[in-house]
């Protein structure tokens, strides 16, 4: 093995430091520019029981946390009722603030074929303005969990 000269060692050290600086600048420049989202998940039940079909939650912002923008979000649940909220990317969460929540779960979804839409959720609970469901997402404390219990539609 041939020993490295002092000059080669200095050049290797400089190359490493320059590479580290470029990597740091690259990482700093990769900010998505999107506001902070807080992971939010939860459960939807129908009168304390399982969901009859998959459905969707609609989070309508009513007041942002100080320094945050308002942006609506959604959450999709399966028959197990589990959901994760989505603002920008699937399952990323909600921007801090207060939201009203509407819930949809269709037996027959609205369509252009003329068949009447049939919902498992009373119309009052489909509309975030009238559902009575509200959540407050705080910027501190990490992941947050919410539970929504929907009355079954009377037939």
Protein backbone atom coordinates (compact mmCIF):
# COMPACT_ATOMS: atom_id res chain seq x y z
CA UNK A 1 0.00 0.00 0.00
CA UNK A 2 1.32 3.38 -0.97
CA UNK A 3 0.88 6.14 1.62
CA UNK A 4 -1.00 9.24 0.49
CA UNK A 5 0.90 12.49 0.25
CA UNK A 6 -0.03 15.36 2.51
CA UNK A 7 -1.32 17.29 -0.49
CA UNK A 8 -3.62 14.40 -1.55
CA UNK A 9 -5.00 14.14 1.99
CA UNK A 10 -5.77 17.88 2.06
CA UNK A 11 -7.47 17.71 -1.35
CA UNK A 12 -9.55 14.71 -0.26
CA UNK A 13 -10.59 16.58 2.89
CA UNK A 14 -11.55 19.67 0.85
CA UNK A 15 -13.55 17.56 -1.63
CA UNK A 16 -15.43 15.95 1.24
CA UNK A 17 -16.26 19.31 2.83
CA UNK A 18 -17.41 20.83 -0.47
CA UNK A 19 -19.55 17.77 -1.16
CA UNK A 20 -21.08 18.05 2.32
CA UNK A 21 -21.82 21.76 1.76
CA UNK A 22 -23.51 21.07 -1.59
CA UNK A 23 -25.56 18.27 -0.06
CA UNK A 24 -26.69 20.57 2.76
CA UNK A 25 -27.64 23.33 0.31
CA UNK A 26 -29.56 20.80 -1.78
CA UNK A 27 -31.51 19.56 1.24
CA UNK A 28 -32.32 23.07 2.43
CA UNK A 29 -33.49 23.95 -1.08
CA UNK A 30 -35.86 20.97 -1.17
CA UNK A 31 -38.50 22.49 1.11
CA UNK A 32 -41.90 21.67 -0.37
CA UNK A 33 -43.24 25.11 0.51
CA UNK A 34 -46.41 23.47 1.87
CA UNK A 35 -47.74 24.38 5.30
CA UNK A 36 -47.26 21.99 8.21
CA UNK A 37 -49.86 19.23 8.49
CA UNK A 38 -50.59 17.21 11.62
CA UNK A 39 -51.26 13.47 11.21
CA UNK A 40 -54.94 12.86 12.01
CA UNK A 41 -56.78 9.58 12.03
CA UNK A 42 -59.88 8.17 13.59
CA UNK A 43 -62.98 6.06 13.41
CA UNK A 44 -66.47 6.45 11.99
CA UNK A 45 -69.25 4.33 13.48
CA UNK A 46 -72.96 4.10 12.77
CA UNK A 47 -74.87 4.17 16.07
CA UNK A 48 -71.83 2.59 17.70
CA UNK A 49 -71.61 -0.21 15.14
CA UNK A 50 -69.78 -0.92 11.89
CA UNK A 51 -70.17 1.13 8.72
CA UNK A 52 -72.53 -0.36 6.13
CA UNK A 53 -70.22 0.65 3.25
CA UNK A 54 -67.03 2.66 2.68
CA UNK A 55 -67.45 6.43 2.78
CA UNK A 56 -65.84 9.86 2.88
CA UNK A 57 -65.36 12.60 5.45
CA UNK A 58 -65.13 16.24 4.35
CA UNK A 59 -63.16 18.61 6.60
CA UNK A 60 -64.23 22.22 5.95
CA UNK A 61 -61.98 24.81 7.63
CA UNK A 62 -63.73 27.42 9.76
CA UNK A 63 -60.78 29.02 11.58
CA UNK A 64 -57.07 28.49 10.96
CA UNK A 65 -54.57 28.26 13.79
CA UNK A 66 -52.51 31.49 14.05
CA UNK A 67 -50.04 31.67 11.16
CA UNK A 68 -51.61 28.84 9.15
CA UNK A 69 -53.73 28.97 5.97
CA UNK A 70 -57.20 27.48 5.59
CA UNK A 71 -57.49 24.45 3.30
CA UNK A 72 -60.19 21.77 3.09
CA UNK A 73 -59.32 18.10 3.44
CA UNK A 74 -60.87 14.65 3.13
CA UNK A 75 -60.67 11.24 4.72
CA UNK A 76 -61.82 7.93 3.28
CA UNK A 77 -63.05 5.12 5.52
CA UNK A 78 -63.80 1.47 4.82
CA UNK A 79 -66.41 -0.73 6.51
CA UNK A 80 -64.11 -0.93 9.54
CA UNK A 81 -64.58 2.85 9.92
CA UNK A 82 -60.86 3.65 10.07
CA UNK A 83 -59.70 6.80 8.27
CA UNK A 84 -56.65 9.02 7.88
CA UNK A 85 -57.11 12.65 6.87
CA UNK A 86 -55.61 13.94 3.62
CA UNK A 87 -54.78 17.55 2.76
CA UNK A 88 -52.00 17.41 0.13
CA UNK A 89 -50.87 13.78 -0.08
CA UNK A 90 -52.72 10.60 0.94
CA UNK A 91 -52.81 10.29 4.73
CA UNK A 92 -50.66 13.36 5.46
CA UNK A 93 -53.12 14.94 7.92
CA UNK A 94 -54.75 18.33 8.51
CA UNK A 95 -53.40 21.88 8.69
CA UNK A 96 -53.81 23.18 12.27
CA UNK A 97 -57.13 24.90 12.85
CA UNK A 98 -60.84 24.26 13.45
CA UNK A 99 -62.92 22.25 10.99
CA UNK A 100 -66.55 21.31 10.51
CA UNK A 101 -66.98 17.75 9.28
CA UNK A 102 -69.50 16.19 6.90
CA UNK A 103 -69.80 12.45 6.30
CA UNK A 104 -71.02 10.56 3.23
CA UNK A 105 -71.67 6.83 2.92
CA UNK A 106 -73.70 5.79 -0.11
CA UNK A 107 -75.67 2.64 -0.84
CA UNK A 108 -76.14 3.97 -4.39
CA UNK A 109 -73.80 6.86 -5.24
CA UNK A 110 -75.01 9.94 -7.10
CA UNK A 111 -74.73 9.19 -10.81
CA UNK A 112 -75.56 10.45 -14.28
CA UNK A 113 -77.53 7.32 -15.18
CA UNK A 114 -80.74 8.48 -13.57
CA UNK A 115 -80.79 5.99 -10.71
CA UNK A 116 -81.70 7.75 -7.47
CA UNK A 117 -78.85 8.17 -5.00
CA UNK A 118 -79.39 6.34 -1.71
CA UNK A 119 -77.38 7.35 1.37
CA UNK A 120 -76.79 5.60 4.67
CA UNK A 121 -76.25 9.01 6.31
CA UNK A 122 -79.03 11.50 7.11
CA UNK A 123 -78.69 14.67 4.99
CA UNK A 124 -78.02 16.73 8.11
CA UNK A 125 -74.78 14.82 8.74
CA UNK A 126 -73.63 14.96 5.12
CA UNK A 127 -73.35 18.75 5.26
CA UNK A 128 -70.41 20.04 7.35
CA UNK A 129 -72.47 23.15 8.21
CA UNK A 130 -75.29 21.16 9.82
CA UNK A 131 -73.65 17.93 11.02
CA UNK A 132 -72.62 19.24 14.43
CA UNK A 133 -69.23 17.52 14.01
CA UNK A 134 -66.28 19.81 14.69
CA UNK A 135 -62.59 19.11 15.29
CA UNK A 136 -59.74 21.30 16.48
CA UNK A 137 -56.29 20.37 15.19
CA UNK A 138 -53.50 21.84 17.32
CA UNK A 139 -49.96 22.35 16.02
CA UNK A 140 -48.49 20.80 19.17
CA UNK A 141 -48.81 17.28 20.47
CA UNK A 142 -48.27 15.18 17.37
CA UNK A 143 -50.82 12.80 15.88
CA UNK A 144 -54.45 13.43 16.75
CA UNK A 145 -57.38 11.03 16.79
CA UNK A 146 -61.08 11.71 16.23
CA UNK A 147 -64.24 9.61 16.55
CA UNK A 148 -67.51 10.25 14.74
CA UNK A 149 -70.71 8.36 15.50
CA UNK A 150 -73.38 8.79 12.84
CA UNK A 151 -77.07 7.97 13.37
CA UNK A 152 -78.44 5.50 10.86
CA UNK A 153 -80.83 6.85 8.29
CA UNK A 154 -84.44 6.02 9.21
CA UNK A 155 -86.17 4.12 6.46
